[in-house]
Amino acid sequence: MSVSTLRPLGDVVYARSGDKGGNANIGLWVPAAHPDALVDWLLETVTVEWVRELLPEAKSLEIELIPLRNLRGVNIVIQGILGAGVAEGVRFDPQAKALGEWIRSRHVAIPERLLA
């Protein structure tokens, strides 16, 4: 059994996010300086349920995950999180530029063996 510790996801993962109309796109990846085992952990950990837990505002929205093992990451598309898009502007972040940093700030259980 692996021992985990709660840490900000951003301690081990980078992110970039943005919008396409009313949809948000979040790319998460493990920097090359970190071990390949951390990539495996990320790809196993990122599920639709996990995204909904970390981003409660996406709880009832359609979420698509695109694993990108060769890029050491995963792409997350959240349908409709921005409503009608940037022109509607009802969110604090109408272009979804901060969603990547928001998810990186969330504390998650990371196996201690992967932290170094």
PDB file of N, CA and C in Angstrom:
ATOM      1  N   MET A   1       0.840  -1.182   0.000  1.00  0.00           N
ATOM      2  CA  MET A   1       0.000   0.000   0.000  1.00  0.00           C
ATOM      3  C   MET A   1       0.879   1.237   0.000  1.00  0.00           C
ATOM      4  N   SER A   2       0.477   2.175  -0.823  1.00  0.00           N
ATOM      5  CA  SER A   2       1.234   3.405  -0.978  1.00  0.00           C
ATOM      6  C   SER A   2       0.760   4.463   0.023  1.00  0.00           C
ATOM      7  N   VAL A   3       1.711   5.146   0.630  1.00  0.00           N
ATOM      8  CA  VAL A   3       1.394   6.231   1.547  1.00  0.00           C
ATOM      9  C   VAL A   3       1.319   7.525   0.732  1.00  0.00           C
ATOM     10  N   SER A   4       0.254   8.285   0.935  1.00  0.00           N
ATOM     11  CA  SER A   4       0.066   9.539   0.205  1.00  0.00           C
ATOM     12  C   SER A   4       0.040  10.710   1.166  1.00  0.00           C
ATOM     13  N   THR A   5       0.293  11.867   0.616  1.00  0.00           N
ATOM     14  CA  THR A   5       0.225  13.092   1.385  1.00  0.00           C
ATOM     15  C   THR A   5      -0.580  14.120   0.590  1.00  0.00           C
ATOM     16  N   LEU A   6      -1.336  14.953   1.289  1.00  0.00           N
ATOM     17  CA  LEU A   6      -2.109  15.997   0.618  1.00  0.00           C
ATOM     18  C   LEU A   6      -1.199  17.168   0.288  1.00  0.00           C
ATOM     19  N   ARG A   7      -1.141  17.485  -0.992  1.00  0.00           N
ATOM     20  CA  ARG A   7      -0.298  18.588  -1.476  1.00  0.00           C
ATOM     21  C   ARG A   7      -1.029  19.296  -2.601  1.00  0.00           C
ATOM     22  N   PRO A   8      -0.704  20.539  -2.877  1.00  0.00           N
ATOM     23  CA  PRO A   8      -1.282  21.191  -4.061  1.00  0.00           C
ATOM     24  C   PRO A   8      -0.857  20.424  -5.313  1.00  0.00           C
ATOM     25  N   LEU A   9      -1.792  20.193  -6.201  1.00  0.00           N
ATOM     26  CA  LEU A   9      -1.476  19.495  -7.445  1.00  0.00           C
ATOM     27  C   LEU A   9      -0.348  20.201  -8.185  1.00  0.00           C
ATOM     28  N   GLY A  10      -0.300  21.515  -8.074  1.00  0.00           N
ATOM     29  CA  GLY A  10       0.733  22.304  -8.742  1.00  0.00           C
ATOM     30  C   GLY A  10       2.149  22.042  -8.266  1.00  0.00           C
ATOM     31  N   ASP A  11       2.309  21.312  -7.166  1.00  0.00           N
ATOM     32  CA  ASP A  11       3.662  20.942  -6.730  1.00  0.00           C
ATOM     33  C   ASP A  11       4.323  19.991  -7.719  1.00  0.00           C
ATOM     34  N   VAL A  12       3.508  19.251  -8.506  1.00  0.00           N
ATOM     35  CA  VAL A  12       4.064  18.248  -9.419  1.00  0.00           C
ATOM     36  C   VAL A  12       3.558  18.359 -10.850  1.00  0.00           C
ATOM     37  N   VAL A  13       2.581  19.229 -11.086  1.00  0.00           N
ATOM     38  CA  VAL A  13       1.941  19.313 -12.403  1.00  0.00           C
ATOM     39  C   VAL A  13       1.857  20.760 -12.859  1.00  0.00           C
ATOM     40  N   TYR A  14       2.119  20.981 -14.136  1.00  0.00           N
ATOM     41  CA  TYR A  14       1.926  22.288 -14.751  1.00  0.00           C
ATOM     42  C   TYR A  14       0.565  22.301 -15.429  1.00  0.00           C
ATOM     43  N   ALA A  15       0.066  23.496 -15.779  1.00  0.00           N
ATOM     44  CA  ALA A  15      -1.235  23.600 -16.444  1.00  0.00           C
ATOM     45  C   ALA A  15      -1.270  24.795 -17.376  1.00  0.00           C
ATOM     46  N   ARG A  16      -2.130  24.682 -18.358  1.00  0.00           N
ATOM     47  CA  ARG A  16      -2.460  25.809 -19.236  1.00  0.00           C
ATOM     48  C   ARG A  16      -3.924  25.655 -19.590  1.00  0.00           C
ATOM     49  N   SER A  17      -4.657  26.746 -19.565  1.00  0.00           N
ATOM     50  CA  SER A  17      -6.087  26.656 -19.839  1.00  0.00           C
ATOM     51  C   SER A  17      -6.557  27.833 -20.674  1.00  0.00           C
ATOM     52  N   GLY A  18      -7.709  27.646 -21.293  1.00  0.00           N
ATOM     53  CA  GLY A  18      -8.298  28.695 -22.108  1.00  0.00           C
ATOM     54  C   GLY A  18      -9.694  28.289 -22.537  1.00  0.00           C
ATOM     55  N   ASP A  19     -10.215  28.981 -23.534  1.00  0.00           N
ATOM     56  CA  ASP A  19     -11.602  28.745 -23.930  1.00  0.00           C
ATOM     57  C   ASP A  19     -11.734  28.580 -25.427  1.00  0.00           C
ATOM     58  N   LYS A  20     -12.792  27.916 -25.810  1.00  0.00           N
ATOM     59  CA  LYS A  20     -13.280  27.847 -27.182  1.00  0.00           C
ATOM     60  C   LYS A  20     -14.781  28.009 -27.068  1.00  0.00           C
ATOM     61  N   GLY A  21     -15.290  29.205 -27.303  1.00  0.00           N
ATOM     62  CA  GLY A  21     -16.711  29.471 -27.125  1.00  0.00           C
ATOM     63  C   GLY A  21     -17.075  29.321 -25.662  1.00  0.00           C
ATOM     64  N   GLY A  22     -18.056  28.497 -25.367  1.00  0.00           N
ATOM     65  CA  GLY A  22     -18.488  28.275 -23.995  1.00  0.00           C
ATOM     66  C   GLY A  22     -17.765  27.150 -23.293  1.00  0.00           C
ATOM     67  N   ASN A  23     -16.805  26.525 -23.975  1.00  0.00           N
ATOM     68  CA  ASN A  23     -16.092  25.379 -23.413  1.00  0.00           C
ATOM     69  C   ASN A  23     -14.717  25.780 -22.891  1.00  0.00           C
ATOM     70  N   ALA A  24     -14.299  25.115 -21.843  1.00  0.00           N
ATOM     71  CA  ALA A  24     -12.961  25.350 -21.292  1.00  0.00           C
ATOM     72  C   ALA A  24     -12.064  24.170 -21.643  1.00  0.00           C
ATOM     73  N   ASN A  25     -10.816  24.475 -21.843  1.00  0.00           N
ATOM     74  CA  ASN A  25      -9.797  23.489 -22.158  1.00  0.00           C
ATOM     75  C   ASN A  25      -8.687  23.639 -21.117  1.00  0.00           C
ATOM     76  N   ILE A  26      -8.354  22.544 -20.437  1.00  0.00           N
ATOM     77  CA  ILE A  26      -7.291  22.567 -19.431  1.00  0.00           C
ATOM     78  C   ILE A  26      -6.288  21.464 -19.763  1.00  0.00           C
ATOM     79  N   GLY A  27      -5.055  21.858 -19.987  1.00  0.00           N
ATOM     80  CA  GLY A  27      -3.985  20.888 -20.198  1.00  0.00           C
ATOM     81  C   GLY A  27      -3.187  20.753 -18.912  1.00  0.00           C
ATOM     82  N   LEU A  28      -3.019  19.518 -18.451  1.00  0.00           N
ATOM     83  CA  LEU A  28      -2.180  19.229 -17.281  1.00  0.00           C
ATOM     84  C   LEU A  28      -1.029  18.355 -17.748  1.00  0.00           C
ATOM     85  N   TRP A  29       0.192  18.663 -17.301  1.00  0.00           N
ATOM     86  CA  TRP A  29       1.317  17.820 -17.670  1.00  0.00           C
ATOM     87  C   TRP A  29       2.366  17.818 -16.585  1.00  0.00           C
ATOM     88  N   VAL A  30       3.145  16.744 -16.615  1.00  0.00           N
ATOM     89  CA  VAL A  30       4.240  16.549 -15.658  1.00  0.00           C
ATOM     90  C   VAL A  30       5.524  17.023 -16.324  1.00  0.00           C
ATOM     91  N   PRO A  31       6.239  17.961 -15.717  1.00  0.00           N
ATOM     92  CA  PRO A  31       7.495  18.442 -16.293  1.00  0.00           C
ATOM     93  C   PRO A  31       8.509  17.301 -16.439  1.00  0.00           C
ATOM     94  N   ALA A  32       9.374  17.422 -17.422  1.00  0.00           N
ATOM     95  CA  ALA A  32      10.368  16.384 -17.716  1.00  0.00           C
ATOM     96  C   ALA A  32      11.285  16.092 -16.532  1.00  0.00           C
ATOM     97  N   ALA A  33      11.470  17.048 -15.626  1.00  0.00           N
ATOM     98  CA  ALA A  33      12.347  16.843 -14.470  1.00  0.00           C
ATOM     99  C   ALA A  33      11.783  15.823 -13.480  1.00  0.00           C
ATOM    100  N   HIS A  34      10.494  15.537 -13.579  1.00  0.00           N
ATOM    101  CA  HIS A  34       9.856  14.582 -12.674  1.00  0.00           C
ATOM    102  C   HIS A  34       9.866  13.183 -13.290  1.00  0.00           C
ATOM    103  N   PRO A  35       9.818  12.131 -12.460  1.00  0.00           N
ATOM    104  CA  PRO A  35       9.890  10.763 -12.983  1.00  0.00           C
ATOM    105  C   PRO A  35       8.665  10.368 -13.815  1.00  0.00           C
ATOM    106  N   ASP A  36       8.887   9.410 -14.731  1.00  0.00           N
ATOM    107  CA  ASP A  36       7.802   8.890 -15.561  1.00  0.00           C
ATOM    108  C   ASP A  36       6.684   8.292 -14.721  1.00  0.00           C
ATOM    109  N   ALA A  37       7.011   7.790 -13.541  1.00  0.00           N
ATOM    110  CA  ALA A  37       5.982   7.213 -12.659  1.00  0.00           C
ATOM    111  C   ALA A  37       4.946   8.262 -12.275  1.00  0.00           C
ATOM    112  N   LEU A  38       5.342   9.512 -12.238  1.00  0.00           N
ATOM    113  CA  LEU A  38       4.395  10.593 -11.923  1.00  0.00           C
ATOM    114  C   LEU A  38       3.413  10.805 -13.088  1.00  0.00           C
ATOM    115  N   VAL A  39       3.880  10.595 -14.305  1.00  0.00           N
ATOM    116  CA  VAL A  39       2.993  10.660 -15.471  1.00  0.00           C
ATOM    117  C   VAL A  39       1.942   9.551 -15.363  1.00  0.00           C
ATOM    118  N   ASP A  40       2.402   8.344 -15.028  1.00  0.00           N
ATOM    119  CA  ASP A  40       1.471   7.224 -14.848  1.00  0.00           C
ATOM    120  C   ASP A  40       0.432   7.560 -13.790  1.00  0.00           C
ATOM    121  N   TRP A  41       0.878   8.119 -12.674  1.00  0.00           N
ATOM    122  CA  TRP A  41      -0.046   8.500 -11.596  1.00  0.00           C
ATOM    123  C   TRP A  41      -1.062   9.525 -12.094  1.00  0.00           C
ATOM    124  N   LEU A  42      -0.594  10.554 -12.819  1.00  0.00           N
ATOM    125  CA  LEU A  42      -1.496  11.590 -13.319  1.00  0.00           C
ATOM    126  C   LEU A  42      -2.564  10.977 -14.230  1.00  0.00           C
ATOM    127  N   LEU A  43      -2.141  10.146 -15.169  1.00  0.00           N
ATOM    128  CA  LEU A  43      -3.088   9.560 -16.118  1.00  0.00           C
ATOM    129  C   LEU A  43      -4.065   8.598 -15.443  1.00  0.00           C
ATOM    130  N   GLU A  44      -3.650   7.950 -14.371  1.00  0.00           N
ATOM    131  CA  GLU A  44      -4.554   7.074 -13.618  1.00  0.00           C
ATOM    132  C   GLU A  44      -5.488   7.878 -12.721  1.00  0.00           C
ATOM    133  N   THR A  45      -5.022   9.012 -12.239  1.00  0.00           N
ATOM    134  CA  THR A  45      -5.765   9.815 -11.267  1.00  0.00           C
ATOM    135  C   THR A  45      -6.830  10.699 -11.901  1.00  0.00           C
ATOM    136  N   VAL A  46      -6.522  11.263 -13.057  1.00  0.00           N
ATOM    137  CA  VAL A  46      -7.459  12.188 -13.692  1.00  0.00           C
ATOM    138  C   VAL A  46      -8.603  11.394 -14.327  1.00  0.00           C
ATOM    139  N   THR A  47      -9.745  11.469 -13.664  1.00  0.00           N
ATOM    140  CA  THR A  47     -10.980  10.866 -14.162  1.00  0.00           C
ATOM    141  C   THR A  47     -12.037  11.968 -14.199  1.00  0.00           C
ATOM    142  N   VAL A  48     -13.132  11.688 -14.856  1.00  0.00           N
ATOM    143  CA  VAL A  48     -14.228  12.666 -14.891  1.00  0.00           C
ATOM    144  C   VAL A  48     -14.687  12.973 -13.470  1.00  0.00           C
ATOM    145  N   GLU A  49     -14.803  11.966 -12.624  1.00  0.00           N
ATOM    146  CA  GLU A  49     -15.241  12.163 -11.234  1.00  0.00           C
ATOM    147  C   GLU A  49     -14.236  13.024 -10.469  1.00  0.00           C
ATOM    148  N   TRP A  50     -12.965  12.799 -10.682  1.00  0.00           N
ATOM    149  CA  TRP A  50     -11.907  13.556 -10.013  1.00  0.00           C
ATOM    150  C   TRP A  50     -11.985  15.034 -10.410  1.00  0.00           C
ATOM    151  N   VAL A  51     -12.188  15.302 -11.701  1.00  0.00           N
ATOM    152  CA  VAL A  51     -12.309  16.687 -12.174  1.00  0.00           C
ATOM    153  C   VAL A  51     -13.526  17.344 -11.526  1.00  0.00           C
ATOM    154  N   ARG A  52     -14.629  16.627 -11.461  1.00  0.00           N
ATOM    155  CA  ARG A  52     -15.836  17.189 -10.846  1.00  0.00           C
ATOM    156  C   ARG A  52     -15.632  17.476  -9.361  1.00  0.00           C
ATOM    157  N   GLU A  53     -14.832  16.661  -8.707  1.00  0.00           N
ATOM    158  CA  GLU A  53     -14.549  16.885  -7.286  1.00  0.00           C
ATOM    159  C   GLU A  53     -13.684  18.134  -7.096  1.00  0.00           C
ATOM    160  N   LEU A  54     -12.679  18.312  -7.950  1.00  0.00           N
ATOM    161  CA  LEU A  54     -11.782  19.454  -7.822  1.00  0.00           C
ATOM    162  C   LEU A  54     -12.400  20.748  -8.344  1.00  0.00           C
ATOM    163  N   LEU A  55     -13.305  20.633  -9.303  1.00  0.00           N
ATOM    164  CA  LEU A  55     -13.954  21.808  -9.887  1.00  0.00           C
ATOM    165  C   LEU A  55     -15.461  21.654  -9.732  1.00  0.00           C
ATOM    166  N   PRO A  56     -15.979  21.958  -8.549  1.00  0.00           N
ATOM    167  CA  PRO A  56     -17.412  21.759  -8.293  1.00  0.00           C
ATOM    168  C   PRO A  56     -18.318  22.477  -9.289  1.00  0.00           C
ATOM    169  N   GLU A  57     -17.842  23.571  -9.871  1.00  0.00           N
ATOM    170  CA  GLU A  57     -18.655  24.293 -10.847  1.00  0.00           C
ATOM    171  C   GLU A  57     -18.883  23.480 -12.126  1.00  0.00           C
ATOM    172  N   ALA A  58     -18.131  22.388 -12.293  1.00  0.00           N
ATOM    173  CA  ALA A  58     -18.283  21.518 -13.462  1.00  0.00           C
ATOM    174  C   ALA A  58     -19.078  20.250 -13.143  1.00  0.00           C
ATOM    175  N   LYS A  59     -19.642  20.196 -11.955  1.00  0.00           N
ATOM    176  CA  LYS A  59     -20.293  18.971 -11.471  1.00  0.00           C
ATOM    177  C   LYS A  59     -21.326  18.395 -12.431  1.00  0.00           C
ATOM    178  N   SER A  60     -22.147  19.235 -13.052  1.00  0.00           N
ATOM    179  CA  SER A  60     -23.214  18.729 -13.911  1.00  0.00           C
ATOM    180  C   SER A  60     -22.900  18.869 -15.401  1.00  0.00           C
ATOM    181  N   LEU A  61     -21.668  19.216 -15.726  1.00  0.00           N
ATOM    182  CA  LEU A  61     -21.306  19.457 -17.128  1.00  0.00           C
ATOM    183  C   LEU A  61     -20.620  18.248 -17.755  1.00  0.00           C
ATOM    184  N   GLU A  62     -20.666  18.183 -19.066  1.00  0.00           N
ATOM    185  CA  GLU A  62     -19.983  17.112 -19.794  1.00  0.00           C
ATOM    186  C   GLU A  62     -18.480  17.389 -19.777  1.00  0.00           C
ATOM    187  N   ILE A  63     -17.724  16.357 -19.436  1.00  0.00           N
ATOM    188  CA  ILE A  63     -16.266  16.484 -19.353  1.00  0.00           C
ATOM    189  C   ILE A  63     -15.643  15.402 -20.216  1.00  0.00           C
ATOM    190  N   GLU A  64     -14.707  15.816 -21.057  1.00  0.00           N
ATOM    191  CA  GLU A  64     -13.995  14.877 -21.918  1.00  0.00           C
ATOM    192  C   GLU A  64     -12.519  14.882 -21.525  1.00  0.00           C
ATOM    193  N   LEU A  65     -11.932  13.696 -21.423  1.00  0.00           N
ATOM    194  CA  LEU A  65     -10.516  13.561 -21.088  1.00  0.00           C
ATOM    195  C   LEU A  65      -9.771  12.976 -22.284  1.00  0.00           C
ATOM    196  N   ILE A  66      -8.647  13.580 -22.628  1.00  0.00           N
ATOM    197  CA  ILE A  66      -7.814  13.093 -23.708  1.00  0.00           C
ATOM    198  C   ILE A  66      -6.417  12.853 -23.150  1.00  0.00           C
ATOM    199  N   PRO A  67      -6.080  11.571 -22.859  1.00  0.00           N
ATOM    200  CA  PRO A  67      -4.737  11.287 -22.350  1.00  0.00           C
ATOM    201  C   PRO A  67      -3.685  11.534 -23.441  1.00  0.00           C
ATOM    202  N   LEU A  68      -2.583  12.132 -23.047  1.00  0.00           N
ATOM    203  CA  LEU A  68      -1.497  12.453 -23.966  1.00  0.00           C
ATOM    204  C   LEU A  68      -0.186  11.953 -23.372  1.00  0.00           C
ATOM    205  N   ARG A  69      -0.055  10.635 -23.298  1.00  0.00           N
ATOM    206  CA  ARG A  69       1.111  10.026 -22.639  1.00  0.00           C
ATOM    207  C   ARG A  69       2.422  10.538 -23.223  1.00  0.00           C
ATOM    208  N   ASN A  70       2.491  10.651 -24.560  1.00  0.00           N
ATOM    209  CA  ASN A  70       3.748  11.090 -25.175  1.00  0.00           C
ATOM    210  C   ASN A  70       4.095  12.541 -24.838  1.00  0.00           C
ATOM    211  N   LEU A  71       3.090  13.313 -24.380  1.00  0.00           N
ATOM    212  CA  LEU A  71       3.330  14.686 -23.932  1.00  0.00           C
ATOM    213  C   LEU A  71       3.349  14.787 -22.404  1.00  0.00           C
ATOM    214  N   ARG A  72       3.286  13.622 -21.747  1.00  0.00           N
ATOM    215  CA  ARG A  72       3.361  13.532 -20.293  1.00  0.00           C
ATOM    216  C   ARG A  72       2.174  14.192 -19.598  1.00  0.00           C
ATOM    217  N   GLY A  73       0.985  14.130 -20.245  1.00  0.00           N
ATOM    218  CA  GLY A  73      -0.145  14.809 -19.637  1.00  0.00           C
ATOM    219  C   GLY A  73      -1.503  14.361 -20.129  1.00  0.00           C
ATOM    220  N   VAL A  74      -2.473  15.221 -19.852  1.00  0.00           N
ATOM    221  CA  VAL A  74      -3.869  14.967 -20.203  1.00  0.00           C
ATOM    222  C   VAL A  74      -4.527  16.298 -20.539  1.00  0.00           C
ATOM    223  N   ASN A  75      -5.434  16.251 -21.502  1.00  0.00           N
ATOM    224  CA  ASN A  75      -6.225  17.426 -21.847  1.00  0.00           C
ATOM    225  C   ASN A  75      -7.641  17.204 -21.320  1.00  0.00           C
ATOM    226  N   ILE A  76      -8.195  18.224 -20.688  1.00  0.00           N
ATOM    227  CA  ILE A  76      -9.540  18.172 -20.118  1.00  0.00           C
ATOM    228  C   ILE A  76     -10.383  19.218 -20.833  1.00  0.00           C
ATOM    229  N   VAL A  77     -11.519  18.791 -21.380  1.00  0.00           N
ATOM    230  CA  VAL A  77     -12.445  19.725 -22.018  1.00  0.00           C
ATOM    231  C   VAL A  77     -13.734  19.700 -21.206  1.00  0.00           C
ATOM    232  N   ILE A  78     -14.151  20.868 -20.738  1.00  0.00           N
ATOM    233  CA  ILE A  78     -15.390  20.991 -19.960  1.00  0.00           C
ATOM    234  C   ILE A  78     -16.383  21.775 -20.813  1.00  0.00           C
ATOM    235  N   GLN A  79     -17.412  21.062 -21.245  1.00  0.00           N
ATOM    236  CA  GLN A  79     -18.421  21.637 -22.137  1.00  0.00           C
ATOM    237  C   GLN A  79     -19.343  22.605 -21.377  1.00  0.00           C
ATOM    238  N   GLY A  80     -19.497  23.804 -21.907  1.00  0.00           N
ATOM    239  CA  GLY A  80     -20.485  24.738 -21.396  1.00  0.00           C
ATOM    240  C   GLY A  80     -20.178  25.452 -20.096  1.00  0.00           C
ATOM    241  N   ILE A  81     -18.977  25.312 -19.557  1.00  0.00           N
ATOM    242  CA  ILE A  81     -18.663  25.949 -18.273  1.00  0.00           C
ATOM    243  C   ILE A  81     -18.664  27.481 -18.377  1.00  0.00           C
ATOM    244  N   LEU A  82     -18.491  27.999 -19.589  1.00  0.00           N
ATOM    245  CA  LEU A  82     -18.468  29.449 -19.792  1.00  0.00           C
ATOM    246  C   LEU A  82     -19.784  29.980 -20.343  1.00  0.00           C
ATOM    247  N   GLY A  83     -20.817  29.155 -20.275  1.00  0.00           N
ATOM    248  CA  GLY A  83     -22.111  29.601 -20.791  1.00  0.00           C
ATOM    249  C   GLY A  83     -22.043  29.810 -22.287  1.00  0.00           C
ATOM    250  N   ALA A  84     -22.439  30.976 -22.739  1.00  0.00           N
ATOM    251  CA  ALA A  84     -22.430  31.289 -24.172  1.00  0.00           C
ATOM    252  C   ALA A  84     -21.064  31.784 -24.645  1.00  0.00           C
ATOM    253  N   GLY A  85     -20.093  31.838 -23.764  1.00  0.00           N
ATOM    254  CA  GLY A  85     -18.749  32.263 -24.152  1.00  0.00           C
ATOM    255  C   GLY A  85     -18.344  33.572 -23.517  1.00  0.00           C
ATOM    256  N   VAL A  86     -17.194  34.069 -23.943  1.00  0.00           N
ATOM    257  CA  VAL A  86     -16.588  35.237 -23.313  1.00  0.00           C
ATOM    258  C   VAL A  86     -17.489  36.472 -23.377  1.00  0.00           C
ATOM    259  N   ALA A  87     -18.268  36.602 -24.429  1.00  0.00           N
ATOM    260  CA  ALA A  87     -19.133  37.778 -24.555  1.00  0.00           C
ATOM    261  C   ALA A  87     -20.220  37.811 -23.483  1.00  0.00           C
ATOM    262  N   GLU A  88     -20.608  36.625 -23.005  1.00  0.00           N
ATOM    263  CA  GLU A  88     -21.621  36.585 -21.948  1.00  0.00           C
ATOM    264  C   GLU A  88     -21.021  37.031 -20.615  1.00  0.00           C
ATOM    265  N   GLY A  89     -19.795  36.626 -20.322  1.00  0.00           N
ATOM    266  CA  GLY A  89     -19.034  37.117 -19.187  1.00  0.00           C
ATOM    267  C   GLY A  89     -19.663  36.978 -17.813  1.00  0.00           C
ATOM    268  N   VAL A  90     -20.277  35.839 -17.478  1.00  0.00           N
ATOM    269  CA  VAL A  90     -20.891  35.687 -16.157  1.00  0.00           C
ATOM    270  C   VAL A  90     -19.937  35.108 -15.116  1.00  0.00           C
ATOM    271  N   ARG A  91     -18.803  34.584 -15.516  1.00  0.00           N
ATOM    272  CA  ARG A  91     -17.825  34.000 -14.592  1.00  0.00           C
ATOM    273  C   ARG A  91     -16.769  35.025 -14.213  1.00  0.00           C
ATOM    274  N   PHE A  92     -16.115  34.794 -13.089  1.00  0.00           N
ATOM    275  CA  PHE A  92     -15.005  35.649 -12.687  1.00  0.00           C
ATOM    276  C   PHE A  92     -13.863  35.541 -13.691  1.00  0.00           C
ATOM    277  N   ASP A  93     -13.816  34.454 -14.429  1.00  0.00           N
ATOM    278  CA  ASP A  93     -12.759  34.163 -15.395  1.00  0.00           C
ATOM    279  C   ASP A  93     -13.427  33.799 -16.726  1.00  0.00           C
ATOM    280  N   PRO A  94     -13.960  34.770 -17.446  1.00  0.00           N
ATOM    281  CA  PRO A  94     -14.770  34.468 -18.626  1.00  0.00           C
ATOM    282  C   PRO A  94     -14.023  33.782 -19.758  1.00  0.00           C
ATOM    283  N   GLN A  95     -12.698  33.802 -19.746  1.00  0.00           N
ATOM    284  CA  GLN A  95     -11.926  33.139 -20.792  1.00  0.00           C
ATOM    285  C   GLN A  95     -11.273  31.849 -20.299  1.00  0.00           C
ATOM    286  N   ALA A  96     -11.541  31.462 -19.079  1.00  0.00           N
ATOM    287  CA  ALA A  96     -11.007  30.223 -18.486  1.00  0.00           C
ATOM    288  C   ALA A  96      -9.483  30.227 -18.370  1.00  0.00           C
ATOM    289  N   LYS A  97      -8.869  31.389 -18.390  1.00  0.00           N
ATOM    290  CA  LYS A  97      -7.405  31.460 -18.284  1.00  0.00           C
ATOM    291  C   LYS A  97      -6.903  31.023 -16.905  1.00  0.00           C
ATOM    292  N   ALA A  98      -7.721  31.197 -15.881  1.00  0.00           N
ATOM    293  CA  ALA A  98      -7.293  30.861 -14.516  1.00  0.00           C
ATOM    294  C   ALA A  98      -7.679  29.441 -14.087  1.00  0.00           C
ATOM    295  N   LEU A  99      -8.459  28.725 -14.890  1.00  0.00           N
ATOM    296  CA  LEU A  99      -8.879  27.382 -14.473  1.00  0.00           C
ATOM    297  C   LEU A  99      -7.698  26.449 -14.225  1.00  0.00           C
ATOM    298  N   GLY A 100      -6.666  26.558 -15.046  1.00  0.00           N
ATOM    299  CA  GLY A 100      -5.482  25.721 -14.851  1.00  0.00           C
ATOM    300  C   GLY A 100      -4.827  25.966 -13.498  1.00  0.00           C
ATOM    301  N   GLU A 101      -4.706  27.240 -13.135  1.00  0.00           N
ATOM    302  CA  GLU A 101      -4.109  27.564 -11.832  1.00  0.00           C
ATOM    303  C   GLU A 101      -5.047  27.197 -10.690  1.00  0.00           C
ATOM    304  N   TRP A 102      -6.340  27.304 -10.912  1.00  0.00           N
ATOM    305  CA  TRP A 102      -7.317  26.911  -9.887  1.00  0.00           C
ATOM    306  C   TRP A 102      -7.175  25.429  -9.588  1.00  0.00           C
ATOM    307  N   ILE A 103      -7.092  24.593 -10.616  1.00  0.00           N
ATOM    308  CA  ILE A 103      -6.966  23.150 -10.386  1.00  0.00           C
ATOM    309  C   ILE A 103      -5.596  22.828  -9.772  1.00  0.00           C
ATOM    310  N   ARG A 104      -4.545  23.562 -10.151  1.00  0.00           N
ATOM    311  CA  ARG A 104      -3.215  23.343  -9.567  1.00  0.00           C
ATOM    312  C   ARG A 104      -3.183  23.707  -8.084  1.00  0.00           C
ATOM    313  N   SER A 105      -4.054  24.618  -7.669  1.00  0.00           N
ATOM    314  CA  SER A 105      -4.072  25.037  -6.261  1.00  0.00           C
ATOM    315  C   SER A 105      -4.778  24.030  -5.367  1.00  0.00           C
ATOM    316  N   ARG A 106      -5.546  23.138  -5.933  1.00  0.00           N
ATOM    317  CA  ARG A 106      -6.327  22.180  -5.156  1.00  0.00           C
ATOM    318  C   ARG A 106      -5.410  21.119  -4.553  1.00  0.00           C
ATOM    319  N   HIS A 107      -5.689  20.754  -3.313  1.00  0.00           N
ATOM    320  CA  HIS A 107      -4.898  19.732  -2.623  1.00  0.00           C
ATOM    321  C   HIS A 107      -5.403  18.345  -2.989  1.00  0.00           C
ATOM    322  N   VAL A 108      -4.473  17.487  -3.371  1.00  0.00           N
ATOM    323  CA  VAL A 108      -4.793  16.117  -3.760  1.00  0.00           C
ATOM    324  C   VAL A 108      -3.831  15.170  -3.051  1.00  0.00           C
ATOM    325  N   ALA A 109      -4.231  13.906  -2.979  1.00  0.00           N
ATOM    326  CA  ALA A 109      -3.372  12.880  -2.374  1.00  0.00           C
ATOM    327  C   ALA A 109      -2.339  12.432  -3.403  1.00  0.00           C
ATOM    328  N   ILE A 110      -1.086  12.719  -3.138  1.00  0.00           N
ATOM    329  CA  ILE A 110       0.011  12.343  -4.015  1.00  0.00           C
ATOM    330  C   ILE A 110       0.866  11.315  -3.293  1.00  0.00           C
ATOM    331  N   PRO A 111       1.131  10.160  -3.936  1.00  0.00           N
ATOM    332  CA  PRO A 111       1.964   9.157  -3.283  1.00  0.00           C
ATOM    333  C   PRO A 111       3.345   9.737  -2.914  1.00  0.00           C
ATOM    334  N   GLU A 112       3.730   9.526  -1.677  1.00  0.00           N
ATOM    335  CA  GLU A 112       4.999  10.078  -1.195  1.00  0.00           C
ATOM    336  C   GLU A 112       6.195   9.567  -2.000  1.00  0.00           C
ATOM    337  N   ARG A 113       6.101   8.353  -2.512  1.00  0.00           N
ATOM    338  CA  ARG A 113       7.217   7.791  -3.297  1.00  0.00           C
ATOM    339  C   ARG A 113       7.500   8.602  -4.575  1.00  0.00           C
ATOM    340  N   LEU A 114       6.506   9.395  -5.011  1.00  0.00           N
ATOM    341  CA  LEU A 114       6.661  10.194  -6.222  1.00  0.00           C
ATOM    342  C   LEU A 114       7.154  11.601  -5.943  1.00  0.00           C
ATOM    343  N   LEU A 115       7.226  11.969  -4.684  1.00  0.00           N
ATOM    344  CA  LEU A 115       7.671  13.305  -4.305  1.00  0.00           C
ATOM    345  C   LEU A 115       9.140  13.266  -3.931  1.00  0.00           C
ATOM    346  N   ALA A 116       9.897  14.089  -4.599  1.00  0.00           N
ATOM    347  CA  ALA A 116      11.317  14.150  -4.258  1.00  0.00           C
ATOM    348  C   ALA A 116      11.938  15.438  -4.729  1.00  0.00           C
TER     349      ALA A 116
END
